[in-house]
Amino acid sequence: MVDYNKALEWLKEGNNAYINSEKNHLGDISQEKRLHTHKHGQTPYAVIITCSDSRVIPESIFMAGIGDLFIIRLAGNVVADYGLGSIEYAVGHLNTKLVVVMGHTMCGAISCALNNHHGSYISSIILEIQNNIKNEKDHIKAAKCNVKKTIEKINSSEVLKRCDDVKVIGALYHTHSGLVEFFK
């Protein structure tokens, strides 16, 4: 367990390293890239809707840099009005043509839904997932079903319906191997 002082220290150290870096294994994170995107805006090539799980790091998983991905994260990779609005912004204003809903193995939100565990604020997420997975009991199948239902919700957006050159696909990130399994 890490106390808050140590956590804050690590964040500050990490930010200092980031500011002084030109590139890392993720892509271009240079001062020039930061200034370019600051001045000219972002042009992400994909929207990634994924879980808040700390093991699921889209920029690392896809080796992306600044301005490459438009990330939307919420436990269980479910999408409500704010998430849909963010997707519509990326597609409608940033001209992003690919939307990926990426679930993952060993998802705590899926486990809570499968085991009918509810809490105060997580209940709305669990109920959404339970509606998405219905009677599925297998964790992997439930995660995939949840992704597919989220895709259906995204595809119901009037903004996306007017964009015939936008593709919404699903994926499952395997936490044990790092492999992303894409599916439609």
Protein backbone atom coordinates (compact mmCIF):
# COMPACT_ATOMS: atom_id res chain seq x y z
CA MET A 1 0.00 0.00 0.00
CA VAL A 2 1.30 3.45 -0.95
CA ASP A 3 0.33 6.45 1.15
CA TYR A 4 -0.85 9.67 -0.51
CA ASN A 5 2.45 11.53 0.05
CA LYS A 6 4.44 8.85 -1.79
CA ALA A 7 1.82 8.67 -4.55
CA LEU A 8 1.98 12.43 -5.05
CA GLU A 9 5.80 12.31 -5.08
CA TRP A 10 5.73 9.65 -7.81
CA LEU A 11 3.29 11.72 -9.87
CA LYS A 12 5.51 14.78 -9.61
CA GLU A 13 8.62 12.76 -10.54
CA GLY A 14 6.81 11.21 -13.47
CA ASN A 15 5.58 14.57 -14.71
CA ASN A 16 9.08 16.03 -14.48
CA ALA A 17 10.48 13.12 -16.50
CA TYR A 18 7.68 13.58 -19.06
CA ILE A 19 8.35 17.31 -19.45
CA ASN A 20 12.03 16.65 -20.10
CA SER A 21 11.50 13.79 -22.56
CA GLU A 22 11.54 13.93 -26.34
CA LYS A 23 10.29 10.46 -27.11
CA ASN A 24 9.57 7.33 -25.20
CA HIS A 25 8.41 3.89 -26.23
CA LEU A 26 4.91 5.29 -26.70
CA GLY A 27 5.59 7.74 -29.47
CA ASP A 28 6.25 11.43 -29.79
CA ILE A 29 5.89 13.22 -26.45
CA SER A 30 8.34 16.00 -27.24
CA GLN A 31 7.97 19.67 -26.36
CA GLU A 32 7.54 20.33 -30.09
CA LYS A 33 4.61 17.90 -30.27
CA ARG A 34 3.06 19.41 -27.14
CA LEU A 35 3.37 22.91 -28.60
CA HIS A 36 2.06 21.80 -32.01
CA THR A 37 -1.05 20.18 -30.53
CA HIS A 38 -1.50 23.13 -28.18
CA LYS A 39 -1.47 25.57 -31.10
CA HIS A 40 -3.16 23.49 -33.82
CA GLY A 41 -5.33 21.11 -31.79
CA GLN A 42 -5.53 17.38 -31.74
CA THR A 43 -6.03 14.95 -34.61
CA PRO A 44 -6.45 11.54 -32.99
CA TYR A 45 -6.58 8.60 -35.37
CA ALA A 46 -8.82 6.56 -33.06
CA VAL A 47 -11.25 6.89 -30.17
CA ILE A 48 -10.71 4.23 -27.51
CA ILE A 49 -13.50 3.57 -25.02
CA THR A 50 -12.14 1.38 -22.27
CA CYS A 51 -12.26 0.55 -18.60
CA SER A 52 -10.72 2.67 -15.84
CA ASP A 53 -8.69 -0.37 -14.73
CA SER A 54 -5.09 0.67 -14.09
CA ARG A 55 -3.79 -2.38 -16.00
CA VAL A 56 -5.44 -1.14 -19.20
CA ILE A 57 -3.31 1.69 -20.59
CA PRO A 58 -4.36 2.47 -24.18
CA GLU A 59 -1.41 4.77 -24.94
CA SER A 60 0.97 1.99 -23.91
CA ILE A 61 -1.03 -0.89 -25.38
CA PHE A 62 -1.04 0.82 -28.80
CA MET A 63 2.35 2.57 -28.41
CA ALA A 64 0.79 5.97 -29.08
CA GLY A 65 2.04 9.49 -28.39
CA ILE A 66 0.51 12.90 -27.79
CA GLY A 67 -2.58 13.58 -29.90
CA ASP A 68 -2.80 10.03 -31.30
CA LEU A 69 -5.69 8.60 -29.31
CA PHE A 70 -8.89 10.09 -27.88
CA ILE A 71 -9.42 8.06 -24.71
CA ILE A 72 -12.70 7.68 -22.83
CA ARG A 73 -12.46 5.60 -19.66
CA LEU A 74 -15.12 4.39 -17.28
CA ALA A 75 -15.33 1.26 -15.16
CA GLY A 76 -16.72 -1.55 -17.29
CA ASN A 77 -16.25 0.48 -20.50
CA VAL A 78 -19.93 1.42 -20.45
CA VAL A 79 -21.13 4.55 -22.21
CA ALA A 80 -23.69 7.03 -20.91
CA ASP A 81 -24.62 10.49 -22.19
CA TYR A 82 -21.28 12.12 -21.36
CA GLY A 83 -19.37 9.31 -23.04
CA LEU A 84 -21.57 9.49 -26.13
CA GLY A 85 -21.07 13.24 -26.22
CA SER A 86 -17.31 12.75 -26.09
CA ILE A 87 -17.43 10.22 -28.92
CA GLU A 88 -19.62 12.54 -31.00
CA TYR A 89 -17.12 15.36 -30.40
CA ALA A 90 -14.19 13.21 -31.57
CA VAL A 91 -16.06 12.02 -34.65
CA GLY A 92 -17.91 15.23 -35.49
CA HIS A 93 -15.29 17.85 -34.66
CA LEU A 94 -11.96 16.06 -34.76
CA ASN A 95 -12.86 13.87 -37.77
CA THR A 96 -11.75 10.66 -36.08
CA LYS A 97 -12.88 7.72 -38.22
CA LEU A 98 -12.30 4.73 -35.92
CA VAL A 99 -14.02 4.09 -32.59
CA VAL A 100 -12.88 1.07 -30.57
CA VAL A 101 -14.76 -0.22 -27.54
CA MET A 102 -12.16 -2.25 -25.65
CA GLY A 103 -13.12 -4.48 -22.75
CA HIS A 104 -10.56 -6.59 -20.93
CA THR A 105 -10.08 -9.86 -19.10
CA MET A 106 -10.24 -9.92 -15.31
CA CYS A 107 -12.49 -6.84 -15.27
CA GLY A 108 -13.69 -6.00 -11.78
CA ALA A 109 -16.88 -4.35 -13.04
CA ILE A 110 -17.77 -7.48 -15.03
CA SER A 111 -17.04 -9.62 -11.96
CA CYS A 112 -19.29 -7.39 -9.84
CA ALA A 113 -22.07 -7.73 -12.42
CA LEU A 114 -21.66 -11.51 -12.61
CA ASN A 115 -21.71 -11.80 -8.80
CA ASN A 116 -24.49 -9.23 -8.33
CA HIS A 117 -22.31 -6.98 -6.14
CA HIS A 118 -23.62 -3.44 -5.85
CA GLY A 119 -22.39 -0.35 -4.07
CA SER A 120 -23.62 3.22 -3.94
CA TYR A 121 -22.17 4.79 -7.08
CA ILE A 122 -21.08 1.63 -8.84
CA SER A 123 -24.66 0.33 -8.93
CA SER A 124 -25.53 2.24 -12.10
CA ILE A 125 -22.48 0.75 -13.83
CA ILE A 126 -23.26 -2.77 -12.61
CA LEU A 127 -26.90 -2.49 -13.69
CA GLU A 128 -25.82 -1.32 -17.16
CA ILE A 129 -23.43 -4.26 -17.48
CA GLN A 130 -26.06 -6.71 -16.21
CA ASN A 131 -28.50 -5.41 -18.82
CA ASN A 132 -25.78 -5.83 -21.45
CA ILE A 133 -24.75 -9.37 -20.53
CA LYS A 134 -28.21 -10.75 -19.59
CA ASN A 135 -27.74 -14.34 -18.32
CA GLU A 136 -24.15 -14.87 -19.47
CA LYS A 137 -22.03 -16.41 -16.69
CA ASP A 138 -18.65 -16.82 -18.41
CA HIS A 139 -16.37 -13.85 -17.66
CA ILE A 140 -14.81 -13.62 -21.15
CA LYS A 141 -18.12 -14.05 -22.96
CA ALA A 142 -19.72 -11.50 -20.63
CA ALA A 143 -16.93 -8.98 -21.33
CA LYS A 144 -17.39 -9.45 -25.08
CA CYS A 145 -21.18 -9.19 -24.81
CA ASN A 146 -20.78 -5.99 -22.80
CA VAL A 147 -18.55 -4.55 -25.55
CA LYS A 148 -21.04 -5.49 -28.27
CA LYS A 149 -23.96 -3.88 -26.43
CA THR A 150 -21.90 -0.74 -25.88
CA ILE A 151 -21.20 -0.66 -29.63
CA GLU A 152 -24.96 -0.89 -30.30
CA LYS A 153 -25.52 2.08 -27.99
CA ILE A 154 -22.81 4.11 -29.73
CA ASN A 155 -24.20 3.22 -33.15
CA SER A 156 -27.60 4.59 -32.07
CA SER A 157 -26.08 8.09 -31.94
CA GLU A 158 -27.64 10.41 -34.53
CA VAL A 159 -24.25 12.06 -35.09
CA LEU A 160 -22.59 8.74 -35.90
CA LYS A 161 -25.50 7.69 -38.12
CA ARG A 162 -24.75 10.72 -40.33
CA CYS A 163 -21.08 9.72 -40.62
CA ASP A 164 -20.95 6.80 -43.05
CA ASP A 165 -17.14 6.71 -43.05
CA VAL A 166 -16.83 6.05 -39.28
CA LYS A 167 -16.33 2.49 -38.07
CA VAL A 168 -17.15 1.33 -34.53
CA ILE A 169 -15.54 -1.97 -33.58
CA GLY A 170 -14.98 -4.03 -30.46
CA ALA A 171 -11.89 -5.43 -28.85
CA LEU A 172 -10.83 -7.40 -25.81
CA TYR A 173 -7.51 -6.70 -24.10
CA HIS A 174 -5.98 -9.79 -22.52
CA THR A 175 -4.33 -8.64 -19.29
CA HIS A 176 -2.12 -11.74 -19.04
CA SER A 177 -0.51 -11.40 -22.49
CA GLY A 178 -1.09 -7.82 -23.62
CA LEU A 179 -2.80 -9.02 -26.81
CA VAL A 180 -5.74 -7.02 -28.13
CA GLU A 181 -8.29 -9.23 -29.85
CA PHE A 182 -10.29 -7.13 -32.33
CA PHE A 183 -13.79 -8.20 -33.32
CA LYS A 184 -16.83 -6.68 -35.00
